[in-house]
Amino acid sequence: MNHRANIHGGNIYQAQEQYGVGIDQVLDYGANINPLGIPRSLQAVITDNMNILT
């Protein structure tokens, strides 16, 4: 039985090498990083509905 490795997240260094681009040209969206945080509108919806989330 052949098993493939379970890889989670992006490997920015492998992508950089594979596509021959600089590391500053690779964006890793797998990390789920947003420097702006969640929108205020979403924050308000979550706060207003906290009672149904718990």
C-alpha atoms as a PDB file:
ATOM      1  CA  MET A   1       0.000   0.000   0.000  1.00  0.00           C
ATOM      2  CA  ASN A   2       1.424   3.372  -0.987  1.00  0.00           C
ATOM      3  CA  HIS A   3       0.841   6.303   1.335  1.00  0.00           C
ATOM      4  CA  ARG A   4       1.410   9.892   0.362  1.00  0.00           C
ATOM      5  CA  ALA A   5       2.896  12.189   2.934  1.00  0.00           C
ATOM      6  CA  ASN A   6       0.316  14.326   4.677  1.00  0.00           C
ATOM      7  CA  ILE A   7       1.600  17.851   4.162  1.00  0.00           C
ATOM      8  CA  HIS A   8      -0.129  20.771   5.832  1.00  0.00           C
ATOM      9  CA  GLY A   9       0.501  24.386   4.930  1.00  0.00           C
ATOM     10  CA  GLY A  10       2.618  25.920   2.244  1.00  0.00           C
ATOM     11  CA  ASN A  11       6.276  25.242   1.696  1.00  0.00           C
ATOM     12  CA  ILE A  12       7.372  28.664   0.490  1.00  0.00           C
ATOM     13  CA  TYR A  13      10.996  27.601   0.137  1.00  0.00           C
ATOM     14  CA  GLN A  14      10.119  24.679  -2.130  1.00  0.00           C
ATOM     15  CA  ALA A  15       7.813  26.897  -4.228  1.00  0.00           C
ATOM     16  CA  GLN A  16      10.541  29.531  -4.509  1.00  0.00           C
ATOM     17  CA  GLU A  17      13.014  26.969  -5.763  1.00  0.00           C
ATOM     18  CA  GLN A  18      10.537  25.151  -8.020  1.00  0.00           C
ATOM     19  CA  TYR A  19       9.394  28.311  -9.821  1.00  0.00           C
ATOM     20  CA  GLY A  20      12.713  30.132  -9.761  1.00  0.00           C
ATOM     21  CA  VAL A  21      11.433  33.246  -8.021  1.00  0.00           C
ATOM     22  CA  GLY A  22      12.677  35.253  -5.070  1.00  0.00           C
ATOM     23  CA  ILE A  23      11.325  34.393  -1.630  1.00  0.00           C
ATOM     24  CA  ASP A  24       9.828  37.892  -1.478  1.00  0.00           C
ATOM     25  CA  GLN A  25       7.635  36.962  -4.459  1.00  0.00           C
ATOM     26  CA  VAL A  26       6.000  33.975  -2.747  1.00  0.00           C
ATOM     27  CA  LEU A  27       2.825  34.585  -0.762  1.00  0.00           C
ATOM     28  CA  ASP A  28       1.817  31.842   1.666  1.00  0.00           C
ATOM     29  CA  TYR A  29      -1.955  32.034   2.027  1.00  0.00           C
ATOM     30  CA  GLY A  30      -1.955  28.700   3.816  1.00  0.00           C
ATOM     31  CA  ALA A  31      -0.878  30.424   7.017  1.00  0.00           C
ATOM     32  CA  ASN A  32      -4.153  32.341   7.213  1.00  0.00           C
ATOM     33  CA  ILE A  33      -2.402  35.549   8.218  1.00  0.00           C
ATOM     34  CA  ASN A  34      -4.166  38.891   7.812  1.00  0.00           C
ATOM     35  CA  PRO A  35      -2.299  41.865   9.284  1.00  0.00           C
ATOM     36  CA  LEU A  36      -5.516  43.902   9.218  1.00  0.00           C
ATOM     37  CA  GLY A  37      -7.442  41.484  11.415  1.00  0.00           C
ATOM     38  CA  ILE A  38     -11.094  40.658  10.877  1.00  0.00           C
ATOM     39  CA  PRO A  39     -13.414  43.347   9.512  1.00  0.00           C
ATOM     40  CA  ARG A  40     -15.235  45.378  12.161  1.00  0.00           C
ATOM     41  CA  SER A  41     -18.547  44.297  10.645  1.00  0.00           C
ATOM     42  CA  LEU A  42     -17.685  40.632  11.209  1.00  0.00           C
ATOM     43  CA  GLN A  43     -16.441  41.372  14.711  1.00  0.00           C
ATOM     44  CA  ALA A  44     -19.794  43.030  15.498  1.00  0.00           C
ATOM     45  CA  VAL A  45     -21.765  40.038  14.150  1.00  0.00           C
ATOM     46  CA  ILE A  46     -19.706  37.606  16.218  1.00  0.00           C
ATOM     47  CA  THR A  47     -20.052  39.721  19.354  1.00  0.00           C
ATOM     48  CA  ASP A  48     -23.800  40.205  18.848  1.00  0.00           C
ATOM     49  CA  ASN A  49     -24.327  36.473  18.394  1.00  0.00           C
ATOM     50  CA  MET A  50     -21.919  35.092  20.989  1.00  0.00           C
ATOM     51  CA  ASN A  51     -24.833  33.488  22.832  1.00  0.00           C
ATOM     52  CA  ILE A  52     -25.497  31.082  19.943  1.00  0.00           C
ATOM     53  CA  LEU A  53     -21.822  30.242  19.470  1.00  0.00           C
ATOM     54  CA  THR A  54     -21.310  28.776  22.916  1.00  0.00           C
END
